Structures are given as structure tokens and as C-alpha cells.
C-alpha atoms as a PDB file:
ATOM      1  CA  UNK A   1     -17.024 -32.448  11.870  1.00  0.00           C
ATOM      2  CA  UNK A   2     -20.534 -32.915   9.885  1.00  0.00           C
ATOM      3  CA  UNK A   3     -19.836 -35.455   7.082  1.00  0.00           C
ATOM      4  CA  UNK A   4     -22.642 -34.382   5.575  1.00  0.00           C
ATOM      5  CA  UNK A   5     -22.685 -32.410   1.691  1.00  0.00           C
ATOM      6  CA  UNK A   6     -25.441 -29.932   1.805  1.00  0.00           C
ATOM      7  CA  UNK A   7     -24.066 -26.269   1.423  1.00  0.00           C
ATOM      8  CA  UNK A   8     -25.968 -23.194   1.142  1.00  0.00           C
ATOM      9  CA  UNK A   9     -24.772 -19.977  -0.706  1.00  0.00           C
ATOM     10  CA  UNK A  10     -25.823 -16.777   1.035  1.00  0.00           C
ATOM     11  CA  UNK A  11     -25.500 -13.968  -1.989  1.00  0.00           C
ATOM     12  CA  UNK A  12     -27.183 -14.484  -5.460  1.00  0.00           C
ATOM     13  CA  UNK A  13     -24.930 -12.100  -7.281  1.00  0.00           C
ATOM     14  CA  UNK A  14     -22.177 -13.460 -10.141  1.00  0.00           C
ATOM     15  CA  UNK A  15     -19.823 -15.231  -7.925  1.00  0.00           C
ATOM     16  CA  UNK A  16     -22.312 -16.668  -5.936  1.00  0.00           C
ATOM     17  CA  UNK A  17     -24.103 -18.114  -8.496  1.00  0.00           C
ATOM     18  CA  UNK A  18     -20.814 -19.909  -9.976  1.00  0.00           C
ATOM     19  CA  UNK A  19     -19.984 -21.015  -6.597  1.00  0.00           C
ATOM     20  CA  UNK A  20     -23.691 -22.524  -6.375  1.00  0.00           C
ATOM     21  CA  UNK A  21     -23.260 -24.100  -9.804  1.00  0.00           C
ATOM     22  CA  UNK A  22     -19.537 -25.647  -8.285  1.00  0.00           C
ATOM     23  CA  UNK A  23     -21.102 -26.951  -5.561  1.00  0.00           C
ATOM     24  CA  UNK A  24     -23.757 -28.941  -7.451  1.00  0.00           C
ATOM     25  CA  UNK A  25     -21.321 -29.979 -10.303  1.00  0.00           C
ATOM     26  CA  UNK A  26     -19.335 -31.965  -7.445  1.00  0.00           C
ATOM     27  CA  UNK A  27     -22.232 -33.454  -6.206  1.00  0.00           C
ATOM     28  CA  UNK A  28     -23.617 -31.189  -3.250  1.00  0.00           C
ATOM     29  CA  UNK A  29     -27.671 -30.205  -2.512  1.00  0.00           C
ATOM     30  CA  UNK A  30     -27.347 -26.793  -2.656  1.00  0.00           C
ATOM     31  CA  UNK A  31     -29.362 -23.996  -1.300  1.00  0.00           C
ATOM     32  CA  UNK A  32     -28.592 -20.400  -2.832  1.00  0.00           C
ATOM     33  CA  UNK A  33     -29.868 -17.304  -0.863  1.00  0.00           C
ATOM     34  CA  UNK A  34     -30.828 -14.111  -2.122  1.00  0.00           C
ATOM     35  CA  UNK A  35     -32.947 -11.450  -0.473  1.00  0.00           C
ATOM     36  CA  UNK A  36     -34.568 -10.261  -4.119  1.00  0.00           C
ATOM     37  CA  UNK A  37     -37.610 -12.761  -4.349  1.00  0.00           C
ATOM     38  CA  UNK A  38     -37.638 -11.909  -8.301  1.00  0.00           C
ATOM     39  CA  UNK A  39     -34.278 -13.597  -8.450  1.00  0.00           C
ATOM     40  CA  UNK A  40     -35.633 -16.199  -6.550  1.00  0.00           C
ATOM     41  CA  UNK A  41     -38.397 -17.004  -8.661  1.00  0.00           C
ATOM     42  CA  UNK A  42     -36.344 -16.912 -11.860  1.00  0.00           C
ATOM     43  CA  UNK A  43     -33.416 -19.314 -10.449  1.00  0.00           C
ATOM     44  CA  UNK A  44     -36.156 -22.022  -9.326  1.00  0.00           C
ATOM     45  CA  UNK A  45     -38.536 -21.303 -12.334  1.00  0.00           C
ATOM     46  CA  UNK A  46     -36.223 -20.720 -15.628  1.00  0.00           C
ATOM     47  CA  UNK A  47     -33.395 -21.899 -13.566  1.00  0.00           C
ATOM     48  CA  UNK A  48     -31.124 -18.719 -14.698  1.00  0.00           C
ATOM     49  CA  UNK A  49     -30.454 -15.453 -12.995  1.00  0.00           C
ATOM     50  CA  UNK A  50     -29.411 -13.569 -16.196  1.00  0.00           C
ATOM     51  CA  UNK A  51     -28.542 -10.084 -14.977  1.00  0.00           C
ATOM     52  CA  UNK A  52     -26.374 -11.251 -12.154  1.00  0.00           C
ATOM     53  CA  UNK A  53     -24.614 -14.347 -14.727  1.00  0.00           C
ATOM     54  CA  UNK A  54     -25.528 -14.241 -18.181  1.00  0.00           C
ATOM     55  CA  UNK A  55     -25.617 -17.263 -20.013  1.00  0.00           C
ATOM     56  CA  UNK A  56     -25.778 -19.606 -16.619  1.00  0.00           C
ATOM     57  CA  UNK A  57     -27.854 -22.494 -16.468  1.00  0.00           C
ATOM     58  CA  UNK A  58     -28.731 -23.232 -13.007  1.00  0.00           C
ATOM     59  CA  UNK A  59     -27.729 -26.797 -12.379  1.00  0.00           C
ATOM     60  CA  UNK A  60     -30.809 -28.835 -11.090  1.00  0.00           C
ATOM     61  CA  UNK A  61     -29.390 -29.294  -7.646  1.00  0.00           C
ATOM     62  CA  UNK A  62     -29.826 -25.746  -6.570  1.00  0.00           C
ATOM     63  CA  UNK A  63     -32.433 -24.527  -5.117  1.00  0.00           C
ATOM     64  CA  UNK A  64     -32.893 -20.852  -4.095  1.00  0.00           C
ATOM     65  CA  UNK A  65     -34.785 -19.076  -1.168  1.00  0.00           C
ATOM     66  CA  UNK A  66     -35.327 -15.462   0.552  1.00  0.00           C
ATOM     67  CA  UNK A  67     -35.349 -17.451   3.713  1.00  0.00           C
ATOM     68  CA  UNK A  68     -32.205 -17.121   5.189  1.00  0.00           C
ATOM     69  CA  UNK A  69     -33.400 -19.374   8.421  1.00  0.00           C
ATOM     70  CA  UNK A  70     -33.119 -22.363   5.470  1.00  0.00           C
ATOM     71  CA  UNK A  71     -30.211 -21.310   4.082  1.00  0.00           C
ATOM     72  CA  UNK A  72     -28.344 -21.004   7.126  1.00  0.00           C
ATOM     73  CA  UNK A  73     -29.039 -24.717   8.414  1.00  0.00           C
ATOM     74  CA  UNK A  74     -26.913 -26.161   5.924  1.00  0.00           C
ATOM     75  CA  UNK A  75     -23.585 -28.222   6.578  1.00  0.00           C
ATOM     76  CA  UNK A  76     -21.467 -25.588   4.512  1.00  0.00           C
ATOM     77  CA  UNK A  77     -21.964 -22.052   4.005  1.00  0.00           C
ATOM     78  CA  UNK A  78     -20.483 -19.671   1.702  1.00  0.00           C
ATOM     79  CA  UNK A  79     -20.776 -16.480   2.188  1.00  0.00           C
ATOM     80  CA  UNK A  80     -20.602 -14.646  -1.171  1.00  0.00           C
ATOM     81  CA  UNK A  81     -21.614 -10.769  -0.412  1.00  0.00           C
ATOM     82  CA  UNK A  82     -19.650  -7.678  -0.618  1.00  0.00           C
ATOM     83  CA  UNK A  83     -17.522  -7.257   1.999  1.00  0.00           C
ATOM     84  CA  UNK A  84     -18.764  -4.095   3.634  1.00  0.00           C
ATOM     85  CA  UNK A  85     -22.279  -6.294   3.660  1.00  0.00           C
ATOM     86  CA  UNK A  86     -20.425  -8.802   5.669  1.00  0.00           C
ATOM     87  CA  UNK A  87     -21.085  -8.043   9.158  1.00  0.00           C
ATOM     88  CA  UNK A  88     -24.858  -7.470   9.151  1.00  0.00           C
ATOM     89  CA  UNK A  89     -25.193 -10.890   7.002  1.00  0.00           C
ATOM     90  CA  UNK A  90     -23.456 -12.770   9.306  1.00  0.00           C
ATOM     91  CA  UNK A  91     -25.527 -10.960  12.344  1.00  0.00           C
ATOM     92  CA  UNK A  92     -28.460 -11.644  11.055  1.00  0.00           C
ATOM     93  CA  UNK A  93     -27.606 -15.043   9.803  1.00  0.00           C
ATOM     94  CA  UNK A  94     -26.109 -16.364  13.229  1.00  0.00           C
ATOM     95  CA  UNK A  95     -29.048 -17.336  15.191  1.00  0.00           C
ATOM     96  CA  UNK A  96     -29.381 -20.230  12.622  1.00  0.00           C
ATOM     97  CA  UNK A  97     -26.003 -21.490  11.734  1.00  0.00           C
ATOM     98  CA  UNK A  98     -25.160 -24.605  13.556  1.00  0.00           C
ATOM     99  CA  UNK A  99     -22.343 -24.472  15.856  1.00  0.00           C
ATOM    100  CA  UNK A 100     -18.925 -25.992  14.149  1.00  0.00           C
ATOM    101  CA  UNK A 101     -20.320 -24.747  10.282  1.00  0.00           C
ATOM    102  CA  UNK A 102     -17.599 -24.650   8.434  1.00  0.00           C
ATOM    103  CA  UNK A 103     -18.395 -20.741   6.976  1.00  0.00           C
ATOM    104  CA  UNK A 104     -16.094 -19.550   4.143  1.00  0.00           C
ATOM    105  CA  UNK A 105     -16.111 -15.767   3.617  1.00  0.00           C
ATOM    106  CA  UNK A 106     -15.459 -15.433  -0.530  1.00  0.00           C
ATOM    107  CA  UNK A 107     -15.645 -11.664   0.388  1.00  0.00           C
ATOM    108  CA  UNK A 108     -12.571 -10.122  -0.678  1.00  0.00           C
ATOM    109  CA  UNK A 109     -11.632  -6.320   1.579  1.00  0.00           C
ATOM    110  CA  UNK A 110     -11.400  -4.921   4.890  1.00  0.00           C
ATOM    111  CA  UNK A 111     -14.090  -3.756   6.869  1.00  0.00           C
ATOM    112  CA  UNK A 112     -14.421   0.051   7.052  1.00  0.00           C
ATOM    113  CA  UNK A 113     -14.534   2.192  10.280  1.00  0.00           C
ATOM    114  CA  UNK A 114     -13.251  -0.792  12.360  1.00  0.00           C
ATOM    115  CA  UNK A 115     -10.108  -2.027   9.861  1.00  0.00           C
ATOM    116  CA  UNK A 116     -10.961  -5.455  11.003  1.00  0.00           C
ATOM    117  CA  UNK A 117     -10.038  -8.323   8.594  1.00  0.00           C
ATOM    118  CA  UNK A 118     -13.067 -10.283   7.027  1.00  0.00           C
ATOM    119  CA  UNK A 119     -12.111 -13.739   9.051  1.00  0.00           C
ATOM    120  CA  UNK A 120     -12.316 -11.462  12.486  1.00  0.00           C
ATOM    121  CA  UNK A 121     -15.651 -10.249  11.747  1.00  0.00           C
ATOM    122  CA  UNK A 122     -16.748 -13.416  10.721  1.00  0.00           C
ATOM    123  CA  UNK A 123     -15.527 -14.708  13.960  1.00  0.00           C
ATOM    124  CA  UNK A 124     -17.018 -11.824  16.119  1.00  0.00           C
ATOM    125  CA  UNK A 125     -20.613 -12.040  14.439  1.00  0.00           C
ATOM    126  CA  UNK A 126     -20.654 -16.160  14.541  1.00  0.00           C
ATOM    127  CA  UNK A 127     -18.412 -17.454  17.393  1.00  0.00           C
ATOM    128  CA  UNK A 128     -19.666 -20.958  16.988  1.00  0.00           C
ATOM    129  CA  UNK A 129     -18.811 -21.330  13.128  1.00  0.00           C
ATOM    130  CA  UNK A 130     -15.507 -22.391  11.855  1.00  0.00           C
ATOM    131  CA  UNK A 131     -14.468 -19.343  10.008  1.00  0.00           C
ATOM    132  CA  UNK A 132     -12.243 -20.442   6.418  1.00  0.00           C
ATOM    133  CA  UNK A 133     -11.416 -17.816   3.770  1.00  0.00           C
ATOM    134  CA  UNK A 134     -11.758 -18.892  -0.263  1.00  0.00           C
ATOM    135  CA  UNK A 135      -9.695 -16.546  -2.425  1.00  0.00           C
ATOM    136  CA  UNK A 136      -7.583 -17.179  -5.918  1.00  0.00           C
ATOM    137  CA  UNK A 137      -7.700 -15.882  -9.303  1.00  0.00           C
ATOM    138  CA  UNK A 138     -11.269 -16.509 -10.250  1.00  0.00           C
ATOM    139  CA  UNK A 139     -13.523 -14.818 -12.741  1.00  0.00           C
ATOM    140  CA  UNK A 140     -17.439 -15.820 -12.273  1.00  0.00           C
ATOM    141  CA  UNK A 141     -17.906 -16.974 -16.013  1.00  0.00           C
ATOM    142  CA  UNK A 142     -14.744 -18.816 -15.951  1.00  0.00           C
ATOM    143  CA  UNK A 143     -16.058 -20.913 -13.280  1.00  0.00           C
ATOM    144  CA  UNK A 144     -19.533 -21.257 -14.477  1.00  0.00           C
ATOM    145  CA  UNK A 145     -18.638 -22.042 -17.923  1.00  0.00           C
ATOM    146  CA  UNK A 146     -15.838 -24.823 -16.565  1.00  0.00           C
ATOM    147  CA  UNK A 147     -13.047 -23.548 -17.685  1.00  0.00           C
ATOM    148  CA  UNK A 148      -9.989 -24.901 -15.477  1.00  0.00           C
ATOM    149  CA  UNK A 149      -9.570 -22.425 -12.325  1.00  0.00           C
ATOM    150  CA  UNK A 150      -7.501 -23.118  -8.999  1.00  0.00           C
ATOM    151  CA  UNK A 151      -8.033 -21.272  -6.001  1.00  0.00           C
ATOM    152  CA  UNK A 152      -6.844 -21.389  -2.172  1.00  0.00           C
ATOM    153  CA  UNK A 153      -9.220 -22.494   0.541  1.00  0.00           C
ATOM    154  CA  UNK A 154      -7.578 -21.686   4.386  1.00  0.00           C
ATOM    155  CA  UNK A 155      -8.567 -22.184   7.685  1.00  0.00           C
ATOM    156  CA  UNK A 156      -6.984 -22.371  10.985  1.00  0.00           C
ATOM    157  CA  UNK A 157      -7.836 -26.036  11.040  1.00  0.00           C
ATOM    158  CA  UNK A 158      -5.734 -27.939   8.413  1.00  0.00           C
ATOM    159  CA  UNK A 159      -8.888 -30.767   8.260  1.00  0.00           C
ATOM    160  CA  UNK A 160     -11.430 -28.463   7.746  1.00  0.00           C
ATOM    161  CA  UNK A 161      -9.358 -26.590   4.813  1.00  0.00           C
ATOM    162  CA  UNK A 162      -9.346 -29.493   3.349  1.00  0.00           C
ATOM    163  CA  UNK A 163     -13.120 -30.905   3.611  1.00  0.00           C
ATOM    164  CA  UNK A 164     -14.051 -28.098   2.456  1.00  0.00           C
ATOM    165  CA  UNK A 165     -11.792 -28.178  -1.197  1.00  0.00           C
ATOM    166  CA  UNK A 166     -13.039 -32.110  -1.143  1.00  0.00           C
ATOM    167  CA  UNK A 167     -16.843 -30.838  -0.690  1.00  0.00           C
ATOM    168  CA  UNK A 168     -15.964 -27.852  -3.162  1.00  0.00           C
ATOM    169  CA  UNK A 169     -13.674 -29.796  -5.455  1.00  0.00           C
ATOM    170  CA  UNK A 170     -13.993 -31.075  -9.335  1.00  0.00           C
ATOM    171  CA  UNK A 171     -11.784 -31.592 -12.172  1.00  0.00           C
ATOM    172  CA  UNK A 172     -12.663 -28.354 -13.359  1.00  0.00           C
ATOM    173  CA  UNK A 173     -12.317 -25.893 -10.022  1.00  0.00           C
ATOM    174  CA  UNK A 174      -9.307 -26.753  -7.794  1.00  0.00           C
ATOM    175  CA  UNK A 175      -8.734 -26.335  -4.409  1.00  0.00           C
ATOM    176  CA  UNK A 176      -5.434 -25.505  -2.743  1.00  0.00           C
ATOM    177  CA  UNK A 177      -5.856 -25.855   1.173  1.00  0.00           C
ATOM    178  CA  UNK A 178      -3.919 -24.009   3.440  1.00  0.00           C
ATOM    179  CA  UNK A 179      -3.776 -22.566   7.358  1.00  0.00           C
ATOM    180  CA  UNK A 180      -2.760 -19.150   6.321  1.00  0.00           C
ATOM    181  CA  UNK A 181      -6.112 -17.376   7.200  1.00  0.00           C
ATOM    182  CA  UNK A 182      -4.896 -13.953   7.093  1.00  0.00           C
ATOM    183  CA  UNK A 183      -2.558 -14.686   4.333  1.00  0.00           C
ATOM    184  CA  UNK A 184      -5.006 -15.817   2.310  1.00  0.00           C
ATOM    185  CA  UNK A 185      -7.648 -12.621   3.073  1.00  0.00           C
ATOM    186  CA  UNK A 186      -5.060 -10.206   2.602  1.00  0.00           C
ATOM    187  CA  UNK A 187      -4.092 -11.268  -0.419  1.00  0.00           C
ATOM    188  CA  UNK A 188      -7.586 -10.713  -1.754  1.00  0.00           C
ATOM    189  CA  UNK A 189      -8.158  -7.595  -0.247  1.00  0.00           C
ATOM    190  CA  UNK A 190      -5.221  -5.713  -1.532  1.00  0.00           C
ATOM    191  CA  UNK A 191      -4.656  -6.559  -4.931  1.00  0.00           C
ATOM    192  CA  UNK A 192      -8.525  -5.541  -5.537  1.00  0.00           C
ATOM    193  CA  UNK A 193      -6.823  -1.388  -4.437  1.00  0.00           C
ATOM    194  CA  UNK A 194      -3.718  -2.207  -6.820  1.00  0.00           C
ATOM    195  CA  UNK A 195      -5.940  -3.819  -9.721  1.00  0.00           C
ATOM    196  CA  UNK A 196      -7.357  -0.302 -10.001  1.00  0.00           C
ATOM    197  CA  UNK A 197      -4.020   1.265 -10.277  1.00  0.00           C
ATOM    198  CA  UNK A 198      -2.994  -1.230 -13.294  1.00  0.00           C
ATOM    199  CA  UNK A 199      -6.707  -0.119 -14.630  1.00  0.00           C
ATOM    200  CA  UNK A 200      -5.559   3.727 -14.603  1.00  0.00           C
ATOM    201  CA  UNK A 201      -2.189   2.781 -16.660  1.00  0.00           C
ATOM    202  CA  UNK A 202      -4.013   1.184 -18.752  1.00  0.00           C
ATOM    203  CA  UNK A 203      -6.435   3.454 -19.382  1.00  0.00           C
ATOM    204  CA  UNK A 204      -3.992   6.179 -19.556  1.00  0.00           C
ATOM    205  CA  UNK A 205      -2.359   3.791 -22.396  1.00  0.00           C
ATOM    206  CA  UNK A 206       0.977   4.316 -20.444  1.00  0.00           C
ATOM    207  CA  UNK A 207       2.285   0.426 -22.498  1.00  0.00           C
ATOM    208  CA  UNK A 208       2.983  -2.642 -21.356  1.00  0.00           C
ATOM    209  CA  UNK A 209       5.899  -2.137 -19.658  1.00  0.00           C
ATOM    210  CA  UNK A 210       4.039   0.861 -17.198  1.00  0.00           C
ATOM    211  CA  UNK A 211       1.428  -2.229 -16.669  1.00  0.00           C
ATOM    212  CA  UNK A 212       4.090  -4.604 -16.308  1.00  0.00           C
ATOM    213  CA  UNK A 213       6.202  -2.187 -13.407  1.00  0.00           C
ATOM    214  CA  UNK A 214       2.921  -1.207 -11.735  1.00  0.00           C
ATOM    215  CA  UNK A 215       2.005  -5.052 -10.839  1.00  0.00           C
ATOM    216  CA  UNK A 216       5.571  -5.541  -9.562  1.00  0.00           C
ATOM    217  CA  UNK A 217       5.911  -3.059  -7.654  1.00  0.00           C
ATOM    218  CA  UNK A 218       2.457  -3.223  -6.298  1.00  0.00           C
ATOM    219  CA  UNK A 219       3.021  -7.214  -5.339  1.00  0.00           C
ATOM    220  CA  UNK A 220       5.916  -5.427  -3.051  1.00  0.00           C
ATOM    221  CA  UNK A 221       3.235  -3.437  -1.051  1.00  0.00           C
ATOM    222  CA  UNK A 222       0.924  -6.139  -1.237  1.00  0.00           C
ATOM    223  CA  UNK A 223       3.915  -8.209   0.543  1.00  0.00           C
ATOM    224  CA  UNK A 224       5.035  -5.595   2.794  1.00  0.00           C
ATOM    225  CA  UNK A 225       1.564  -5.833   3.881  1.00  0.00           C
ATOM    226  CA  UNK A 226       1.106  -8.707   4.507  1.00  0.00           C
ATOM    227  CA  UNK A 227       3.931 -10.043   6.095  1.00  0.00           C
ATOM    228  CA  UNK A 228       3.543  -7.461   8.647  1.00  0.00           C
ATOM    229  CA  UNK A 229       0.501  -8.475   9.708  1.00  0.00           C
ATOM    230  CA  UNK A 230       1.388 -12.006   9.921  1.00  0.00           C
ATOM    231  CA  UNK A 231       0.750 -13.662   6.165  1.00  0.00           C
ATOM    232  CA  UNK A 232       3.180 -16.418   5.062  1.00  0.00           C
ATOM    233  CA  UNK A 233       5.477 -15.256   2.337  1.00  0.00           C
ATOM    234  CA  UNK A 234       4.556 -18.974   0.380  1.00  0.00           C
ATOM    235  CA  UNK A 235       0.848 -17.458   0.621  1.00  0.00           C
ATOM    236  CA  UNK A 236       1.268 -14.548  -1.002  1.00  0.00           C
ATOM    237  CA  UNK A 237       3.205 -16.140  -3.575  1.00  0.00           C
ATOM    238  CA  UNK A 238       0.755 -18.187  -4.329  1.00  0.00           C
ATOM    239  CA  UNK A 239      -2.827 -18.107  -5.786  1.00  0.00           C
ATOM    240  CA  UNK A 240      -4.842 -16.020  -3.559  1.00  0.00           C
ATOM    241  CA  UNK A 241      -1.595 -13.521  -3.613  1.00  0.00           C
ATOM    242  CA  UNK A 242       0.178 -13.101  -6.857  1.00  0.00           C
ATOM    243  CA  UNK A 243      -1.796 -15.759  -8.734  1.00  0.00           C
ATOM    244  CA  UNK A 244      -4.863 -13.149  -7.800  1.00  0.00           C
ATOM    245  CA  UNK A 245      -3.058  -9.860  -8.747  1.00  0.00           C
ATOM    246  CA  UNK A 246      -2.203 -11.277 -12.214  1.00  0.00           C
ATOM    247  CA  UNK A 247      -5.386 -11.738 -12.614  1.00  0.00           C
ATOM    248  CA  UNK A 248      -6.682  -8.592 -11.724  1.00  0.00           C
ATOM    249  CA  UNK A 249      -4.272  -6.464 -13.433  1.00  0.00           C
ATOM    250  CA  UNK A 250      -4.833  -7.480 -16.823  1.00  0.00           C
ATOM    251  CA  UNK A 251      -8.139  -8.072 -17.654  1.00  0.00           C
ATOM    252  CA  UNK A 252     -11.206  -5.431 -18.183  1.00  0.00           C
ATOM    253  CA  UNK A 253     -13.800  -8.895 -16.384  1.00  0.00           C
ATOM    254  CA  UNK A 254     -11.918  -7.355 -12.984  1.00  0.00           C
ATOM    255  CA  UNK A 255     -14.321  -4.807 -11.890  1.00  0.00           C
ATOM    256  CA  UNK A 256     -11.419  -2.801 -10.224  1.00  0.00           C
ATOM    257  CA  UNK A 257      -9.463  -3.261 -13.015  1.00  0.00           C
ATOM    258  CA  UNK A 258     -12.325  -1.642 -15.051  1.00  0.00           C
ATOM    259  CA  UNK A 259     -12.980   0.954 -12.816  1.00  0.00           C
ATOM    260  CA  UNK A 260      -9.194   2.048 -13.241  1.00  0.00           C
ATOM    261  CA  UNK A 261      -9.431   1.739 -16.817  1.00  0.00           C
ATOM    262  CA  UNK A 262     -11.810   4.560 -16.470  1.00  0.00           C
ATOM    263  CA  UNK A 263     -10.364   6.933 -14.415  1.00  0.00           C
ATOM    264  CA  UNK A 264      -7.252   6.600 -17.038  1.00  0.00           C
ATOM    265  CA  UNK A 265      -9.417   7.244 -19.449  1.00  0.00           C
ATOM    266  CA  UNK A 266     -10.617  10.725 -18.081  1.00  0.00           C
ATOM    267  CA  UNK A 267     -13.561  10.016 -17.200  1.00  0.00           C
ATOM    268  CA  UNK A 268     -14.654  11.809 -13.805  1.00  0.00           C
ATOM    269  CA  UNK A 269     -15.759   9.897 -10.941  1.00  0.00           C
ATOM    270  CA  UNK A 270     -18.958  10.632 -10.786  1.00  0.00           C
ATOM    271  CA  UNK A 271     -19.049   8.988 -14.370  1.00  0.00           C
ATOM    272  CA  UNK A 272     -17.101   5.412 -12.847  1.00  0.00           C
ATOM    273  CA  UNK A 273     -19.939   5.920  -9.210  1.00  0.00           C
ATOM    274  CA  UNK A 274     -21.717   3.085 -10.500  1.00  0.00           C
ATOM    275  CA  UNK A 275     -18.306   0.935 -11.574  1.00  0.00           C
ATOM    276  CA  UNK A 276     -17.117   1.901  -7.888  1.00  0.00           C
ATOM    277  CA  UNK A 277     -19.911   0.806  -6.247  1.00  0.00           C
ATOM    278  CA  UNK A 278     -19.378  -2.726  -7.178  1.00  0.00           C
ATOM    279  CA  UNK A 279     -15.248  -2.871  -7.044  1.00  0.00           C
ATOM    280  CA  UNK A 280     -14.556  -3.620  -3.760  1.00  0.00           C
ATOM    281  CA  UNK A 281     -11.110  -1.778  -4.044  1.00  0.00           C
ATOM    282  CA  UNK A 282     -12.323   1.385  -4.288  1.00  0.00           C
ATOM    283  CA  UNK A 283     -14.224   0.997  -0.760  1.00  0.00           C
ATOM    284  CA  UNK A 284     -10.863  -1.059   0.407  1.00  0.00           C
ATOM    285  CA  UNK A 285      -8.316   1.714  -0.514  1.00  0.00           C
ATOM    286  CA  UNK A 286      -9.018   4.401   2.757  1.00  0.00           C
ATOM    287  CA  UNK A 287      -9.027   1.516   5.296  1.00  0.00           C
ATOM    288  CA  UNK A 288      -5.754  -0.396   3.621  1.00  0.00           C
ATOM    289  CA  UNK A 289      -4.197   2.582   3.411  1.00  0.00           C
ATOM    290  CA  UNK A 290      -4.901   4.169   6.890  1.00  0.00           C
ATOM    291  CA  UNK A 291      -3.721   0.385   8.436  1.00  0.00           C
ATOM    292  CA  UNK A 292      -0.962   0.925   6.259  1.00  0.00           C
ATOM    293  CA  UNK A 293       0.081   4.306   7.537  1.00  0.00           C
ATOM    294  CA  UNK A 294      -0.583   3.462  11.062  1.00  0.00           C
ATOM    295  CA  UNK A 295       1.600   0.475  10.888  1.00  0.00           C
ATOM    296  CA  UNK A 296       4.383   2.392   9.273  1.00  0.00           C
ATOM    297  CA  UNK A 297       3.826   0.463   5.871  1.00  0.00           C
ATOM    298  CA  UNK A 298       5.066   1.992   2.787  1.00  0.00           C
ATOM    299  CA  UNK A 299       2.642   1.672   0.313  1.00  0.00           C
ATOM    300  CA  UNK A 300       2.746   4.803  -2.693  1.00  0.00           C
ATOM    301  CA  UNK A 301       0.414   2.861  -5.254  1.00  0.00           C
ATOM    302  CA  UNK A 302      -2.269   2.283  -3.074  1.00  0.00           C
ATOM    303  CA  UNK A 303      -1.943   5.665  -1.840  1.00  0.00           C
ATOM    304  CA  UNK A 304      -1.551   6.848  -4.907  1.00  0.00           C
ATOM    305  CA  UNK A 305      -4.861   4.985  -5.792  1.00  0.00           C
ATOM    306  CA  UNK A 306      -6.753   6.305  -2.295  1.00  0.00           C
ATOM    307  CA  UNK A 307      -6.405  10.064  -3.185  1.00  0.00           C
ATOM    308  CA  UNK A 308      -7.450   9.555  -7.113  1.00  0.00           C
ATOM    309  CA  UNK A 309     -10.456   7.700  -5.635  1.00  0.00           C
ATOM    310  CA  UNK A 310     -10.751  10.785  -3.054  1.00  0.00           C
ATOM    311  CA  UNK A 311     -10.574  13.475  -5.091  1.00  0.00           C
ATOM    312  CA  UNK A 312      -7.098  15.124  -3.587  1.00  0.00           C
ATOM    313  CA  UNK A 313      -4.882  14.543  -6.933  1.00  0.00           C
ATOM    314  CA  UNK A 314      -5.805  13.254 -10.416  1.00  0.00           C
ATOM    315  CA  UNK A 315      -4.882  10.830 -12.403  1.00  0.00           C
ATOM    316  CA  UNK A 316      -1.705  12.796 -13.710  1.00  0.00           C
ATOM    317  CA  UNK A 317      -1.051  13.896 -10.564  1.00  0.00           C
ATOM    318  CA  UNK A 318      -0.296  10.594  -9.164  1.00  0.00           C
ATOM    319  CA  UNK A 319       1.577   8.934 -12.066  1.00  0.00           C
ATOM    320  CA  UNK A 320       4.352  12.293 -11.733  1.00  0.00           C
ATOM    321  CA  UNK A 321       4.379  11.439  -8.097  1.00  0.00           C
ATOM    322  CA  UNK A 322       4.911   7.977  -8.250  1.00  0.00           C
ATOM    323  CA  UNK A 323       7.887   8.322 -11.160  1.00  0.00           C
ATOM    324  CA  UNK A 324       9.423  10.996  -9.044  1.00  0.00           C
ATOM    325  CA  UNK A 325       9.507   9.176  -5.788  1.00  0.00           C
ATOM    326  CA  UNK A 326      13.616   8.599  -4.734  1.00  0.00           C
ATOM    327  CA  UNK A 327      15.322   5.971  -6.358  1.00  0.00           C
ATOM    328  CA  UNK A 328      16.428   2.933  -4.360  1.00  0.00           C
ATOM    329  CA  UNK A 329      17.781  -0.377  -4.280  1.00  0.00           C
ATOM    330  CA  UNK A 330      14.931  -3.256  -4.931  1.00  0.00           C
END
């Protein structure tokens, strides 16, 4: 495994920009890839990315580029694009990625159409690279401001996960390394859908007790789904599972919670379509529920979210259905 310190970040959205700054602060030479030439010019010229991460000052070690060839030659690559765009981006970058390169997937979701987990998409599109997942309770604005943040990075080879953690870590950005790749990615994908449910409860003003209940029962669903697909219970109880769920179910900074909150306030889906396009949970809900049903996994909260997003039932009907479920032992 290479000991070079060059890092590329594919995707110059809020999270990608924040992670580029993280790597630069850790002493790395960073190439930040963006498709938009105007974004690249702003980053390199004004050291800002105002539309994506307002107020951020881009570190001097970060160089933006529109060249995928240039970015893909780095010793480590962080892929920070929407989950549903992952395959296309990796397919385009694959010819330029060197064998053995750690490929750190920072998206959270499940691929629609195929039902593939994101690490499997990475392995299929870039078979010579080493897939890894980075996930945990982290808002881009907090990371960029240097506020204390802890996440998990997982790779099948513990040495690779440890190397990624050492490359990106700093006193303000702590990475715990793990080998449970599946557990880390399932936590991130599932919590996004459940955060929409928590947002609906908050937007409907159903109270703190209801919010706590939906979060706790949501975690039960996450655990059932995760363990069925091979996740380790301790991973689901950690930063990338329970930790990320708690954060996403409690703040309007979460795009998924914000989408649910708007729905809970009675806004129609057409009024929140802009947020929905950015909320990964809105794009993951259908395939998550489909995989759960095929596997015989009970996920009533996720099913309710999917039904609301699909216009099959409204918010009040979803609440009635969840409260009318048969009482059972916990």
C-alpha cells in the first residue's frame, strides 16, 4: 500500500468541500474535483465555495480541477457524490485509478434499480481499487468550522482502514477504524429514511416523546435490516449507526429531517421536491423497503415513509397506521 499523502475528493458539494479541508488540515495535498468550471474557478481564485458551503475558507493545500484524470491519480480517493450518481462517476474515473488505491465512499444510500450496496458498486466499477466506507454523525458546516467530530471508516482490510484514518485524522476530526464495511454503509443508508419519519413527527408537532419513540423504534428497524445483511451489532450501535441516526433525527441541518419536517407541516410533495432531490433518504426509501420485503424484514416506519413519499397515503394516515399496529413485546 502506498505511503504517499496525496488525496483526491470527487465531488465539490458541501460535504466534499469540508472533507477536502479536513485532508488539507491533516497535511495532505488535495485535489478537489468538480464538474462545474465556475466552482473550480471560485475555489482556486477566491478560496471559497459560497453556493455549496457558505462561509468556508478553502485551505491553500486544496486545488480544484475539472479534470477527472488529474484527480483520479491521487494516492487516496474520497468519493463524495450522491449515491445514485456513484456508479456513473466511478465508471468514468476507473481507467485512471491505480490498482490498490483506497477508494473511500462517503455517500449514503442503496442503488435504485439494482438494490446494490455502494461498496459493491465500487468493487464492480473499479475492481483494482480497495473499497472503503466513511460514515458517521457529521454535518459539513460543523466539520469545516473545526468543531469536534467523530466518524467511522471501514475497509475489509484493517490496515487499509487504519491508514485512511491516519491520513485524514486530526484533533478535531477523529476517525475510528473498522472492518465491518457492510455495517457502516447500512447504517448510513437506513438512517436517512428514518430521519424523514422523525422530521414528519417534529413538523406535525407531535411532541418530544413521539420523536424519541420514532427514533428508538427506527433504530430497531435499522438493526433488523443490518443484521440480516451481515452487519455486526456493535457497528450498528456505534457512530455510523445509532450515532448518525440520533444526529439526523434531531436537526433541521439534516436534509432528510428537513424534508420530513416540511411534509409534517402539511406541505405537498411538489413544494418540497427541491429538498427531496437533495435528501438521499427520499431516493433510498423505495429500494430499502423493497429489499426488506424480499428478505421478510419488518420495517413499518420505513414503509410508511415510502408510502408518503410515493403519494399512496398522507401523513395523518401514516401516523394512524403506525399507532394502530398490534401491541407486541419489545
